[in-house]
Protein backbone atom coordinates (compact mmCIF):
# COMPACT_ATOMS: atom_id res chain seq x y z
CA UNK A 1 0.62 -3.57 -17.80
CA UNK A 2 -0.30 -2.60 -21.95
CA UNK A 3 1.40 -5.68 -23.09
CA UNK A 4 -0.90 -7.78 -20.08
CA UNK A 5 -4.07 -5.89 -21.27
CA UNK A 6 -3.61 -6.67 -24.78
CA UNK A 7 -3.23 -10.66 -23.95
CA UNK A 8 -5.83 -10.63 -22.13
CA UNK A 9 -7.98 -9.22 -24.34
CA UNK A 10 -7.10 -11.23 -27.06
CA UNK A 11 -7.37 -14.10 -24.91
CA UNK A 12 -11.03 -12.76 -24.44
CA UNK A 13 -11.50 -12.08 -28.47
CA UNK A 14 -10.51 -15.68 -29.74
CA UNK A 15 -12.75 -17.41 -26.96
CA UNK A 16 -15.89 -15.47 -27.50
CA UNK A 17 -15.74 -15.05 -31.66
CA UNK A 18 -17.76 -17.14 -33.02
CA UNK A 19 -15.58 -17.30 -36.11
CA UNK A 20 -11.64 -16.88 -35.70
CA UNK A 21 -11.06 -13.36 -36.15
CA UNK A 22 -9.54 -11.91 -39.06
CA UNK A 23 -5.60 -9.96 -38.16
CA UNK A 24 -7.69 -6.63 -39.42
CA UNK A 25 -10.63 -7.25 -37.15
CA UNK A 26 -7.71 -8.37 -34.87
CA UNK A 27 -6.07 -4.82 -34.96
CA UNK A 28 -9.09 -2.60 -34.69
CA UNK A 29 -10.18 -4.39 -31.58
CA UNK A 30 -6.42 -4.25 -30.18
CA UNK A 31 -6.34 -1.03 -30.91
CA UNK A 32 -2.24 -1.58 -32.11
CA UNK A 33 -0.05 -1.90 -35.22
CA UNK A 34 0.79 -4.49 -37.63
CA UNK A 35 4.45 -5.08 -35.71
CA UNK A 36 3.00 -4.53 -31.78
CA UNK A 37 0.50 -7.64 -32.85
CA UNK A 38 3.29 -9.88 -34.45
CA UNK A 39 5.51 -9.16 -30.90
CA UNK A 40 2.44 -10.44 -28.92
CA UNK A 41 1.89 -13.33 -30.88
CA UNK A 42 5.79 -14.29 -31.06
CA UNK A 43 5.63 -13.20 -27.39
CA UNK A 44 2.50 -15.65 -26.61
CA UNK A 45 3.62 -18.31 -28.77
CA UNK A 46 7.63 -18.80 -28.13
CA UNK A 47 7.83 -17.65 -23.93
CA UNK A 48 5.26 -18.37 -22.73
CA UNK A 49 3.73 -21.90 -25.07
CA UNK A 50 0.42 -20.10 -26.16
CA UNK A 51 -0.68 -22.16 -29.12
CA UNK A 52 -2.39 -19.20 -30.97
CA UNK A 53 -2.60 -20.24 -34.75
CA UNK A 54 -4.09 -18.77 -38.27
CA UNK A 55 -6.25 -21.12 -39.77
CA UNK A 56 -5.80 -20.64 -43.53
CA UNK A 57 -9.24 -22.21 -44.66
CA UNK A 58 -11.24 -19.93 -41.79
CA UNK A 59 -9.09 -16.96 -42.55
CA UNK A 60 -8.60 -15.95 -38.93
CA UNK A 61 -6.45 -16.60 -35.69
CA UNK A 62 -7.77 -19.49 -33.20
CA UNK A 63 -6.21 -21.63 -30.11
CA UNK A 64 -4.66 -25.26 -31.79
CA UNK A 65 -5.45 -26.99 -28.71
CA UNK A 66 -9.14 -26.62 -26.32
CA UNK A 67 -9.70 -23.03 -24.60
CA UNK A 68 -10.43 -25.00 -21.46
CA UNK A 69 -7.03 -26.27 -20.87
CA UNK A 70 -4.92 -22.66 -21.74
CA UNK A 71 -4.49 -20.14 -19.07
CA UNK A 72 -2.95 -16.61 -19.59
CA UNK A 73 1.03 -16.34 -19.18
CA UNK A 74 1.36 -15.49 -15.21
CA UNK A 75 4.92 -14.55 -16.27
CA UNK A 76 3.43 -10.74 -17.28
CA UNK A 77 2.89 -10.08 -13.69
CA UNK A 78 5.88 -8.65 -11.75
CA UNK A 79 6.05 -10.10 -8.15
CA UNK A 80 4.35 -7.36 -6.91
CA UNK A 81 1.58 -7.81 -8.82
CA UNK A 82 0.93 -11.54 -8.24
CA UNK A 83 1.77 -10.96 -4.39
CA UNK A 84 -1.76 -8.39 -4.37
CA UNK A 85 -3.63 -11.13 -6.59
CA UNK A 86 -2.76 -12.88 -3.42
CA UNK A 87 -3.94 -10.86 -1.02
CA UNK A 88 -7.45 -10.22 -2.86
CA UNK A 89 -7.89 -13.71 -2.95
CA UNK A 90 -7.28 -14.31 0.54
CA UNK A 91 -9.25 -11.12 2.03
CA UNK A 92 -11.55 -12.18 -0.09
CA UNK A 93 -11.83 -16.05 0.82
CA UNK A 94 -11.86 -15.12 4.49
CA UNK A 95 -14.23 -12.28 3.90
CA UNK A 96 -17.07 -14.72 2.90
CA UNK A 97 -15.85 -17.97 3.05
CA UNK A 98 -17.35 -20.14 -0.04
CA UNK A 99 -17.36 -16.80 -2.41
CA UNK A 100 -14.38 -18.07 -4.99
CA UNK A 101 -15.15 -22.12 -4.51
CA UNK A 102 -13.14 -23.37 -7.12
CA UNK A 103 -13.53 -20.42 -9.93
CA UNK A 104 -10.45 -19.23 -9.47
CA UNK A 105 -8.64 -22.16 -7.73
CA UNK A 106 -5.87 -22.11 -10.82
CA UNK A 107 -5.24 -18.82 -10.17
CA UNK A 108 -4.33 -19.20 -6.65
CA UNK A 109 -2.60 -22.06 -7.20
CA UNK A 110 -0.47 -20.72 -9.74
CA UNK A 111 -0.06 -17.19 -7.62
CA UNK A 112 0.79 -19.27 -4.67
CA UNK A 113 3.31 -21.93 -6.33
CA UNK A 114 4.95 -18.82 -8.66
CA UNK A 115 5.84 -16.37 -5.42
CA UNK A 116 7.62 -19.66 -4.34
CA UNK A 117 5.22 -20.41 -1.01
CA UNK A 118 4.55 -24.60 -2.16
CA UNK A 119 9.10 -24.54 -1.95
CA UNK A 120 9.69 -22.55 0.71
CA UNK A 121 6.89 -23.58 3.29
CA UNK A 122 6.57 -19.91 4.36
CA UNK A 123 3.22 -17.31 4.27
CA UNK A 124 4.16 -13.54 3.22
CA UNK A 125 0.91 -13.09 3.95
CA UNK A 126 -1.25 -13.81 7.20
CA UNK A 127 -5.11 -11.80 7.48
CA UNK A 128 -6.37 -11.38 10.46
CA UNK A 129 -10.34 -10.30 10.43
CA UNK A 130 -11.56 -9.19 13.91
CA UNK A 131 -15.50 -9.09 14.97
CA UNK A 132 -16.33 -10.43 11.55
CA UNK A 133 -20.16 -11.26 11.97
CA UNK A 134 -21.27 -14.15 10.44
CA UNK A 135 -23.15 -14.80 7.05
CA UNK A 136 -24.56 -17.70 6.25
CA UNK A 137 -23.45 -18.87 2.46
CA UNK A 138 -27.35 -18.91 0.91
CA UNK A 139 -28.16 -15.42 2.34
CA UNK A 140 -24.94 -14.05 0.81
CA UNK A 141 -25.60 -15.96 -2.41
CA UNK A 142 -28.62 -14.76 -3.00
CA UNK A 143 -28.28 -11.35 -2.34
CA UNK A 144 -25.23 -11.37 -4.47
CA UNK A 145 -27.44 -13.12 -7.28
CA UNK A 146 -30.56 -10.86 -6.83
CA UNK A 147 -27.50 -8.07 -7.49
CA UNK A 148 -25.86 -9.35 -11.26
CA UNK A 149 -29.49 -10.47 -12.43
CA UNK A 150 -30.90 -6.90 -11.12
CA UNK A 151 -34.14 -8.28 -9.40
CA UNK A 152 -36.23 -7.14 -6.04
CA UNK A 153 -35.30 -9.26 -3.40
CA UNK A 154 -36.87 -9.89 0.04
CA UNK A 155 -36.38 -10.49 3.50
CA UNK A 156 -36.95 -10.64 7.15
CA UNK A 157 -35.12 -8.32 9.31
CA UNK A 158 -33.65 -7.38 12.29
CA UNK A 159 -32.98 -3.65 13.08
CA UNK A 160 -31.12 -3.10 16.37
CA UNK A 161 -31.58 0.20 18.10
CA UNK A 162 -29.27 0.42 21.20
CA UNK A 163 -30.37 -1.89 23.69
CA UNK A 164 -33.99 -2.66 21.70
CA UNK A 165 -34.18 -4.82 18.67
CA UNK A 166 -37.13 -4.19 15.85
CA UNK A 167 -38.05 -7.41 13.62
CA UNK A 168 -39.32 -6.17 9.85
CA UNK A 169 -40.66 -7.66 6.54
CA UNK A 170 -38.47 -5.92 3.21
CA UNK A 171 -38.65 -5.39 -0.27
CA UNK A 172 -36.09 -3.66 -1.63
CA UNK A 173 -34.28 -2.94 -4.91
CA UNK A 174 -30.10 -4.11 -4.92
CA UNK A 175 -27.88 -1.12 -5.88
CA UNK A 176 -24.33 -2.76 -4.27
CA UNK A 177 -22.94 -4.36 -2.13
CA UNK A 178 -20.51 -2.33 1.15
CA UNK A 179 -17.58 -4.50 2.74
CA UNK A 180 -16.96 -2.24 5.67
CA UNK A 181 -15.48 -3.05 9.01
CA UNK A 182 -14.96 -6.79 8.54
CA UNK A 183 -18.69 -7.01 7.78
CA UNK A 184 -20.82 -6.97 4.46
CA UNK A 185 -23.73 -4.09 4.17
CA UNK A 186 -26.48 -4.33 1.37
CA UNK A 187 -27.30 -0.95 -0.51
CA UNK A 188 -30.42 -0.79 -1.61
CA UNK A 189 -33.67 0.95 -2.09
CA UNK A 190 -36.04 0.26 0.15
CA UNK A 191 -39.46 0.23 -1.20
CA UNK A 192 -41.58 0.01 2.02
CA UNK A 193 -39.66 3.53 3.07
CA UNK A 194 -39.11 4.98 -0.71
CA UNK A 195 -35.67 5.29 0.35
CA UNK A 196 -32.37 4.13 -0.09
CA UNK A 197 -31.17 2.18 3.08
CA UNK A 198 -28.00 -0.07 4.34
CA UNK A 199 -29.18 -3.26 5.40
CA UNK A 200 -26.63 -5.61 7.53
CA UNK A 201 -26.49 -9.21 5.91
CA UNK A 202 -25.80 -11.04 9.16
CA UNK A 203 -29.30 -9.18 10.08
CA UNK A 204 -31.42 -11.13 7.05
CA UNK A 205 -33.60 -13.86 7.45
CA UNK A 206 -34.67 -16.10 4.44
CA UNK A 207 -33.53 -13.83 1.40
CA UNK A 208 -35.82 -14.71 -1.39
CA UNK A 209 -35.04 -13.43 -4.67
CA UNK A 210 -38.28 -12.27 -6.42
CA UNK A 211 -39.25 -11.64 -10.42
CA UNK A 212 -39.16 -7.78 -10.12
CA UNK A 213 -36.86 -6.31 -12.08
CA UNK A 214 -34.94 -3.76 -9.36
CA UNK A 215 -35.21 -0.22 -9.45
CA UNK A 216 -32.06 1.16 -10.60
CA UNK A 217 -30.86 4.47 -8.36
CA UNK A 218 -28.39 7.29 -9.72
CA UNK A 219 -24.90 6.44 -8.77
CA UNK A 220 -24.61 10.35 -7.33
CA UNK A 221 -27.76 8.97 -4.88
CA UNK A 222 -26.10 5.47 -3.84
CA UNK A 223 -22.64 7.75 -2.60
CA UNK A 224 -24.81 10.65 -1.17
CA UNK A 225 -26.53 7.86 1.14
CA UNK A 226 -23.38 7.65 3.25
CA UNK A 227 -22.91 11.28 3.35
CA UNK A 228 -19.69 13.30 4.42
CA UNK A 229 -20.14 12.20 7.67
CA UNK A 230 -18.30 9.77 9.47
CA UNK A 231 -18.93 6.31 9.95
CA UNK A 232 -21.41 4.38 7.08
CA UNK A 233 -24.81 5.85 9.26
CA UNK A 234 -26.15 7.99 6.52
CA UNK A 235 -27.73 11.74 7.27
CA UNK A 236 -28.34 14.93 5.37
CA UNK A 237 -26.88 17.41 7.40
CA UNK A 238 -23.13 16.32 9.21
CA UNK A 239 -22.22 18.14 12.31
CA UNK A 240 -18.79 18.62 13.56
CA UNK A 241 -17.16 16.94 16.03
CA UNK A 242 -14.25 18.69 18.52
CA UNK A 243 -12.09 15.72 20.38
CA UNK A 244 -8.89 16.17 22.63
CA UNK A 245 -6.28 13.57 22.62
CA UNK A 246 -3.87 12.58 25.08
CA UNK A 247 -0.24 12.91 24.03
CA UNK A 248 -0.19 9.08 25.02
CA UNK A 249 -2.96 8.11 22.45
CA UNK A 250 -1.28 9.91 19.72
CA UNK A 251 0.46 6.25 18.17
CA UNK A 252 -3.19 5.09 17.65
CA UNK A 253 -4.87 8.72 16.67
CA UNK A 254 -2.11 11.18 14.54
CA UNK A 255 -1.61 8.50 11.51
CA UNK A 256 -5.55 6.85 11.16
CA UNK A 257 -7.37 9.29 8.71
CA UNK A 258 -10.86 9.33 10.73
CA UNK A 259 -12.00 11.11 8.07
CA UNK A 260 -11.06 12.93 4.33
CA UNK A 261 -12.30 16.71 5.47
CA UNK A 262 -10.65 16.24 8.84
CA UNK A 263 -8.77 18.30 11.06
CA UNK A 264 -5.77 17.11 12.90
CA UNK A 265 -3.22 19.72 14.89
CA UNK A 266 -0.93 18.73 17.64
CA UNK A 267 -1.12 21.56 20.56
CA UNK A 268 1.96 22.93 22.13
CA UNK A 269 1.02 21.19 24.94
CA UNK A 270 1.30 17.93 22.70
CA UNK A 271 -2.59 17.05 23.24
CA UNK A 272 -4.15 16.08 19.88
CA UNK A 273 -6.96 18.43 18.41
CA UNK A 274 -9.32 16.93 15.55
CA UNK A 275 -11.97 18.08 14.51
CA UNK A 276 -14.30 15.80 11.94
CA UNK A 277 -18.02 16.52 10.93
CA UNK A 278 -20.51 13.48 11.38
CA UNK A 279 -23.72 12.10 10.96
CA UNK A 280 -25.39 9.86 13.89
CA UNK A 281 -23.87 9.49 17.53
CA UNK A 282 -23.42 5.57 17.69
CA UNK A 283 -20.16 4.90 15.88
CA UNK A 284 -18.60 8.10 16.75
CA UNK A 285 -19.07 7.49 20.38
CA UNK A 286 -18.09 3.66 19.90
CA UNK A 287 -15.04 4.38 18.85
CA UNK A 288 -14.06 7.15 21.17
CA UNK A 289 -14.89 4.98 23.88
CA UNK A 290 -11.57 3.14 23.08
CA UNK A 291 -9.95 5.86 24.61
CA UNK A 292 -12.35 7.07 27.43
CA UNK A 293 -9.67 8.22 29.80
CA UNK A 294 -6.95 10.06 27.45
CA UNK A 295 -9.61 12.33 25.39
CA UNK A 296 -12.47 14.70 25.92
CA UNK A 297 -15.29 15.96 23.26
CA UNK A 298 -15.14 19.77 23.10
CA UNK A 299 -18.54 19.59 21.22
CA UNK A 300 -21.05 19.18 19.76
CA UNK A 301 -23.30 19.00 23.21
CA UNK A 302 -25.22 15.98 22.30
CA UNK A 303 -22.35 13.93 21.39
CA UNK A 304 -20.14 14.55 24.58
CA UNK A 305 -23.59 14.02 26.75
CA UNK A 306 -23.51 10.57 24.80
CA UNK A 307 -20.12 9.70 25.92
CA UNK A 308 -20.15 10.85 29.77
CA UNK A 309 -23.55 8.59 29.47
CA UNK A 310 -21.35 5.77 28.65
CA UNK A 311 -18.89 6.27 30.43
CA UNK A 312 -21.41 7.03 33.34
CA UNK A 313 -22.89 3.84 32.64
CA UNK A 314 -20.25 1.35 32.26
CA UNK A 315 -19.27 2.92 36.21
CA UNK A 316 -22.12 2.03 37.50
CA UNK A 317 -22.56 -1.36 36.09
CA UNK A 318 -18.45 -1.83 37.60
CA UNK A 319 -19.42 0.39 40.93
CA UNK A 320 -19.28 -2.67 43.47
């Protein structure tokens, strides 16, 4: 991978330098010896037909043909690395259709050809995203543009709390995009609340890019927003959930990392004890209800009550 890294850096230097860079300049930027540089040039020229020449009149290296017709040698990648590229491309394309467009169409085609997909006709990779909330392309593009330009953003927002919803107008400073559980979220500094907040892109309406520069928050603040508790909902003081699962739930409970700080133990009677920190009842309650007939919440009381209330409401709805 070191050779690939130098090849990519050399490619960037040749494309971006106003004048063909000299050998001494390239050696300094690539942080390599003369012999290593010569081997790199030989590999690029002979094995991958990359036409790099030394222009004596200009005293530096350049491409002999137009840069737009060149691609970096894909042979530098192992098959597992090419497969990882294909997986990342397909994940992004399914996560947000139209995001990649034609910008990496050549890379996508080359990767699939090198992996033999066109010859074999088989697909070695399938991604099936479940419960993905739809985000309009124009909304995603506007949010992404605000992030890249470091400008403020305003939009209408529909906040859902239980069975009720609240519509509001927000002006924010975008900090980062978050892909969580097959859905897109924007972490941003809300100027109305004067604090960091998390916004689901699927609940945004008519976002507009503003001319004011965004407020940039410290990375530690952004990381702290998600807190140390379970799920995406923020909170300052996590509570501790303790849950017992029946042995029948083991295949779906034991292999899962519920939280980096979880405590999990298989008891003598075959049940599974799980303890995790959490900040908000909503997400954890919904996840535990998947095991409604196979688990019992031991503590805290408010989590136990929330699960029991949801079960009771479900029984009442199906009572007839």
